[in-house]
Amino acid sequence: MGIHFDLKRSVDQFMFNLKAANGETVLTSERYKTKQGAEGGIASVKTNAPLEARYRRHDGRAGPYFTLVAANGEPIGTSEAYSSNTARDNGIEWVKTNAPSAPTVDNT
């Protein structure tokens, strides 16, 4: 399957992952109480992904990672840990390019 948002349900909550064509998760959302909330989160990722100012770069114990935030500064999604700052920055560029047009696969 190609690049897509994987919308899923976990017990009584909803979340999504932005997946690369190889199936790897690039961005993971927070948990939402409603499916509509998660769908709104996907729309927010699509809107904010192209904007450099929406990315926060972090150094974590497992490696560098990033968060994508909305205009109000609230996190929309968090990346996996990367092996280097360069790999993290490449991940950001990938999200900027691919998230706005990625379809949603509804697995709820």
N, C-alpha and C. Protein backbone atom coordinates (compact mmCIF):
# COMPACT_ATOMS: atom_id res chain seq x y z
N MET A 1 0.85 -1.18 0.00
CA MET A 1 0.00 0.00 0.00
C MET A 1 0.89 1.24 0.00
N GLY A 2 0.47 2.28 -0.64
CA GLY A 2 1.27 3.49 -0.74
C GLY A 2 1.21 4.35 0.52
N ILE A 3 1.69 5.54 0.39
CA ILE A 3 1.68 6.51 1.48
C ILE A 3 0.22 6.78 1.86
N HIS A 4 -0.06 6.77 3.18
CA HIS A 4 -1.44 7.00 3.61
C HIS A 4 -1.52 7.30 5.11
N PHE A 5 -2.64 7.86 5.50
CA PHE A 5 -2.98 7.99 6.91
C PHE A 5 -3.77 6.74 7.29
N ASP A 6 -3.34 6.06 8.32
CA ASP A 6 -4.00 4.86 8.82
C ASP A 6 -4.83 5.27 10.04
N LEU A 7 -6.15 5.40 9.84
CA LEU A 7 -7.06 5.80 10.91
C LEU A 7 -7.55 4.54 11.60
N LYS A 8 -7.39 4.49 12.93
CA LYS A 8 -7.79 3.29 13.63
C LYS A 8 -8.39 3.59 14.99
N ARG A 9 -9.05 2.57 15.51
CA ARG A 9 -9.71 2.67 16.81
C ARG A 9 -8.96 1.80 17.80
N SER A 10 -8.79 2.33 19.01
CA SER A 10 -8.18 1.58 20.09
C SER A 10 -9.13 1.63 21.27
N VAL A 11 -9.87 0.58 21.48
CA VAL A 11 -10.91 0.48 22.52
C VAL A 11 -11.92 1.61 22.30
N ASP A 12 -11.88 2.67 23.13
CA ASP A 12 -12.86 3.75 23.00
C ASP A 12 -12.22 5.06 22.52
N GLN A 13 -11.05 4.95 21.89
CA GLN A 13 -10.36 6.13 21.37
C GLN A 13 -9.97 5.90 19.93
N PHE A 14 -9.63 7.00 19.24
CA PHE A 14 -9.23 6.95 17.84
C PHE A 14 -7.87 7.62 17.70
N MET A 15 -7.12 7.19 16.70
CA MET A 15 -5.81 7.77 16.41
C MET A 15 -5.47 7.51 14.96
N PHE A 16 -4.38 8.09 14.49
CA PHE A 16 -3.90 7.81 13.14
C PHE A 16 -2.39 7.80 13.11
N ASN A 17 -1.88 7.09 12.11
CA ASN A 17 -0.46 7.09 11.80
C ASN A 17 -0.31 7.50 10.35
N LEU A 18 0.69 8.30 10.05
CA LEU A 18 1.06 8.59 8.67
C LEU A 18 2.09 7.56 8.29
N LYS A 19 1.78 6.76 7.28
CA LYS A 19 2.63 5.64 6.90
C LYS A 19 3.33 5.90 5.56
N ALA A 20 4.58 5.48 5.48
CA ALA A 20 5.33 5.54 4.24
C ALA A 20 4.92 4.36 3.35
N ALA A 21 5.33 4.38 2.11
CA ALA A 21 4.98 3.32 1.17
C ALA A 21 5.50 1.96 1.62
N ASN A 22 6.58 1.95 2.41
CA ASN A 22 7.15 0.68 2.89
C ASN A 22 6.46 0.19 4.17
N GLY A 23 5.41 0.90 4.61
CA GLY A 23 4.66 0.50 5.79
C GLY A 23 5.16 1.08 7.10
N GLU A 24 6.28 1.78 7.06
CA GLU A 24 6.83 2.36 8.29
C GLU A 24 6.02 3.57 8.72
N THR A 25 5.83 3.71 10.03
CA THR A 25 5.13 4.85 10.59
C THR A 25 6.08 6.03 10.67
N VAL A 26 5.67 7.15 10.09
CA VAL A 26 6.49 8.36 10.09
C VAL A 26 6.00 9.35 11.14
N LEU A 27 4.68 9.39 11.36
CA LEU A 27 4.08 10.34 12.30
C LEU A 27 2.92 9.65 13.01
N THR A 28 2.84 9.82 14.33
CA THR A 28 1.77 9.23 15.13
C THR A 28 1.00 10.34 15.83
N SER A 29 -0.31 10.24 15.79
CA SER A 29 -1.15 11.26 16.40
C SER A 29 -1.33 11.02 17.89
N GLU A 30 -1.94 11.99 18.53
CA GLU A 30 -2.43 11.81 19.88
C GLU A 30 -3.69 10.95 19.78
N ARG A 31 -4.28 10.62 20.91
CA ARG A 31 -5.53 9.86 20.92
C ARG A 31 -6.70 10.83 21.02
N TYR A 32 -7.75 10.52 20.28
CA TYR A 32 -8.95 11.35 20.24
C TYR A 32 -10.13 10.57 20.78
N LYS A 33 -11.08 11.29 21.37
CA LYS A 33 -12.28 10.64 21.92
C LYS A 33 -13.26 10.24 20.83
N THR A 34 -13.22 10.94 19.69
CA THR A 34 -14.17 10.65 18.61
C THR A 34 -13.43 10.44 17.29
N LYS A 35 -14.08 9.73 16.40
CA LYS A 35 -13.54 9.53 15.06
C LYS A 35 -13.44 10.88 14.34
N GLN A 36 -14.43 11.73 14.55
CA GLN A 36 -14.42 13.05 13.92
C GLN A 36 -13.21 13.87 14.40
N GLY A 37 -12.85 13.73 15.66
CA GLY A 37 -11.67 14.41 16.18
C GLY A 37 -10.40 13.95 15.48
N ALA A 38 -10.28 12.63 15.28
CA ALA A 38 -9.11 12.08 14.58
C ALA A 38 -9.09 12.54 13.13
N GLU A 39 -10.25 12.57 12.49
CA GLU A 39 -10.31 13.06 11.11
C GLU A 39 -9.92 14.53 11.03
N GLY A 40 -10.31 15.31 12.04
CA GLY A 40 -9.88 16.70 12.11
C GLY A 40 -8.38 16.81 12.30
N GLY A 41 -7.79 15.88 13.06
CA GLY A 41 -6.33 15.84 13.23
C GLY A 41 -5.62 15.58 11.92
N ILE A 42 -6.16 14.67 11.12
CA ILE A 42 -5.58 14.39 9.80
C ILE A 42 -5.65 15.64 8.94
N ALA A 43 -6.79 16.33 8.94
CA ALA A 43 -6.92 17.56 8.17
C ALA A 43 -5.91 18.61 8.64
N SER A 44 -5.68 18.67 9.94
CA SER A 44 -4.72 19.62 10.48
C SER A 44 -3.30 19.28 10.05
N VAL A 45 -2.96 17.99 10.03
CA VAL A 45 -1.64 17.59 9.53
C VAL A 45 -1.48 18.04 8.08
N LYS A 46 -2.49 17.80 7.27
CA LYS A 46 -2.41 18.17 5.85
C LYS A 46 -2.20 19.68 5.68
N THR A 47 -2.86 20.47 6.51
CA THR A 47 -2.75 21.92 6.44
C THR A 47 -1.41 22.43 6.94
N ASN A 48 -0.94 21.88 8.05
CA ASN A 48 0.27 22.39 8.70
C ASN A 48 1.57 21.77 8.21
N ALA A 49 1.50 20.59 7.61
CA ALA A 49 2.72 19.88 7.21
C ALA A 49 3.67 20.69 6.32
N PRO A 50 3.17 21.47 5.36
CA PRO A 50 4.11 22.19 4.49
C PRO A 50 4.85 23.35 5.16
N LEU A 51 4.45 23.73 6.36
CA LEU A 51 4.96 24.94 7.00
C LEU A 51 6.12 24.64 7.95
N GLU A 52 7.30 25.10 7.60
CA GLU A 52 8.51 24.85 8.40
C GLU A 52 8.33 25.27 9.86
N ALA A 53 7.65 26.38 10.08
CA ALA A 53 7.48 26.91 11.44
C ALA A 53 6.67 25.99 12.34
N ARG A 54 6.01 24.99 11.79
CA ARG A 54 5.17 24.09 12.58
C ARG A 54 5.94 22.88 13.13
N TYR A 55 7.22 22.79 12.84
CA TYR A 55 8.00 21.64 13.30
C TYR A 55 8.87 22.02 14.49
N ARG A 56 8.87 21.13 15.47
CA ARG A 56 9.73 21.28 16.65
C ARG A 56 10.70 20.10 16.64
N ARG A 57 11.96 20.40 16.68
CA ARG A 57 13.00 19.36 16.67
C ARG A 57 13.43 19.07 18.11
N HIS A 58 13.57 17.78 18.43
CA HIS A 58 13.90 17.36 19.78
C HIS A 58 15.04 16.34 19.76
N ASP A 59 15.75 16.27 20.87
CA ASP A 59 16.75 15.23 21.08
C ASP A 59 16.23 14.35 22.21
N GLY A 60 15.91 13.11 21.90
CA GLY A 60 15.39 12.19 22.89
C GLY A 60 16.39 11.11 23.24
N ARG A 61 16.09 10.35 24.26
CA ARG A 61 16.98 9.26 24.68
C ARG A 61 17.20 8.24 23.57
N ALA A 62 16.13 7.96 22.81
CA ALA A 62 16.22 6.97 21.73
C ALA A 62 16.78 7.56 20.45
N GLY A 63 16.91 8.88 20.40
CA GLY A 63 17.42 9.56 19.21
C GLY A 63 16.61 10.79 18.89
N PRO A 64 17.06 11.56 17.90
CA PRO A 64 16.34 12.78 17.52
C PRO A 64 14.95 12.45 16.98
N TYR A 65 14.00 13.34 17.24
CA TYR A 65 12.65 13.18 16.71
C TYR A 65 12.04 14.56 16.53
N PHE A 66 10.83 14.61 15.95
CA PHE A 66 10.17 15.90 15.78
C PHE A 66 8.70 15.79 16.13
N THR A 67 8.12 16.94 16.42
CA THR A 67 6.68 17.04 16.56
C THR A 67 6.19 18.06 15.55
N LEU A 68 5.00 17.83 15.04
CA LEU A 68 4.31 18.77 14.17
C LEU A 68 3.23 19.41 15.02
N VAL A 69 3.19 20.74 15.05
CA VAL A 69 2.24 21.45 15.89
C VAL A 69 1.30 22.29 15.03
N ALA A 70 0.11 22.55 15.58
CA ALA A 70 -0.87 23.41 14.92
C ALA A 70 -0.51 24.87 15.17
N ALA A 71 -1.27 25.77 14.59
CA ALA A 71 -1.02 27.21 14.74
C ALA A 71 -1.05 27.63 16.20
N ASN A 72 -1.84 26.93 17.03
CA ASN A 72 -1.93 27.28 18.46
C ASN A 72 -0.82 26.64 19.29
N GLY A 73 0.10 25.93 18.63
CA GLY A 73 1.23 25.32 19.33
C GLY A 73 0.96 23.94 19.88
N GLU A 74 -0.28 23.45 19.75
CA GLU A 74 -0.62 22.12 20.25
C GLU A 74 -0.07 21.05 19.31
N PRO A 75 0.51 19.98 19.85
CA PRO A 75 1.04 18.91 19.01
C PRO A 75 -0.07 18.21 18.21
N ILE A 76 0.22 17.94 16.95
CA ILE A 76 -0.69 17.18 16.08
C ILE A 76 -0.17 15.76 15.92
N GLY A 77 1.15 15.64 15.82
CA GLY A 77 1.76 14.33 15.64
C GLY A 77 3.21 14.33 16.06
N THR A 78 3.70 13.15 16.37
CA THR A 78 5.09 12.96 16.82
C THR A 78 5.72 11.89 15.95
N SER A 79 6.96 12.13 15.58
CA SER A 79 7.68 11.16 14.76
C SER A 79 8.27 10.05 15.62
N GLU A 80 8.75 9.04 14.96
CA GLU A 80 9.55 8.01 15.60
C GLU A 80 10.94 8.61 15.84
N ALA A 81 11.77 7.93 16.61
CA ALA A 81 13.15 8.37 16.82
C ALA A 81 13.98 8.04 15.59
N TYR A 82 14.89 8.93 15.26
CA TYR A 82 15.77 8.76 14.11
C TYR A 82 17.21 8.51 14.58
N SER A 83 18.03 8.01 13.67
CA SER A 83 19.41 7.68 14.00
C SER A 83 20.32 8.90 14.06
N SER A 84 19.89 10.01 13.44
CA SER A 84 20.72 11.21 13.41
C SER A 84 19.83 12.44 13.17
N ASN A 85 20.39 13.61 13.39
CA ASN A 85 19.67 14.85 13.10
C ASN A 85 19.37 14.96 11.61
N THR A 86 20.29 14.52 10.78
CA THR A 86 20.07 14.56 9.33
C THR A 86 18.90 13.67 8.94
N ALA A 87 18.83 12.47 9.51
CA ALA A 87 17.72 11.57 9.21
C ALA A 87 16.40 12.18 9.68
N ARG A 88 16.41 12.81 10.85
CA ARG A 88 15.20 13.49 11.35
C ARG A 88 14.78 14.59 10.39
N ASP A 89 15.73 15.41 9.95
CA ASP A 89 15.41 16.50 9.04
C ASP A 89 14.88 15.98 7.71
N ASN A 90 15.41 14.85 7.26
CA ASN A 90 14.89 14.21 6.04
C ASN A 90 13.46 13.74 6.27
N GLY A 91 13.16 13.25 7.47
CA GLY A 91 11.80 12.85 7.82
C GLY A 91 10.84 14.03 7.76
N ILE A 92 11.27 15.16 8.25
CA ILE A 92 10.45 16.38 8.19
C ILE A 92 10.17 16.75 6.74
N GLU A 93 11.19 16.74 5.92
CA GLU A 93 11.00 17.07 4.50
C GLU A 93 10.04 16.09 3.83
N TRP A 94 10.12 14.82 4.21
CA TRP A 94 9.21 13.81 3.66
C TRP A 94 7.77 14.13 4.03
N VAL A 95 7.53 14.49 5.30
CA VAL A 95 6.17 14.83 5.75
C VAL A 95 5.68 16.07 5.01
N LYS A 96 6.53 17.08 4.87
CA LYS A 96 6.14 18.30 4.15
C LYS A 96 5.65 17.97 2.74
N THR A 97 6.36 17.07 2.08
CA THR A 97 6.06 16.71 0.70
C THR A 97 4.86 15.78 0.57
N ASN A 98 4.76 14.79 1.44
CA ASN A 98 3.79 13.71 1.24
C ASN A 98 2.49 13.81 2.02
N ALA A 99 2.50 14.42 3.19
CA ALA A 99 1.29 14.45 4.01
C ALA A 99 0.11 15.19 3.36
N PRO A 100 0.34 16.34 2.71
CA PRO A 100 -0.82 17.08 2.20
C PRO A 100 -1.70 16.31 1.22
N SER A 101 -1.15 15.38 0.50
CA SER A 101 -1.95 14.65 -0.50
C SER A 101 -2.19 13.18 -0.14
N ALA A 102 -1.78 12.77 1.04
CA ALA A 102 -1.94 11.36 1.43
C ALA A 102 -3.41 11.03 1.68
N PRO A 103 -3.89 9.93 1.13
CA PRO A 103 -5.27 9.52 1.40
C PRO A 103 -5.39 8.89 2.79
N THR A 104 -6.60 8.76 3.25
CA THR A 104 -6.87 8.12 4.54
C THR A 104 -7.44 6.74 4.31
N VAL A 105 -6.89 5.76 5.02
CA VAL A 105 -7.44 4.41 5.03
C VAL A 105 -8.13 4.25 6.37
N ASP A 106 -9.45 4.04 6.34
CA ASP A 106 -10.25 3.95 7.55
C ASP A 106 -10.28 2.51 8.03
N ASN A 107 -9.55 2.24 9.12
CA ASN A 107 -9.51 0.91 9.71
C ASN A 107 -10.24 0.87 11.05
N THR A 108 -11.24 1.75 11.20
CA THR A 108 -12.00 1.77 12.44
C THR A 108 -13.05 0.69 12.39
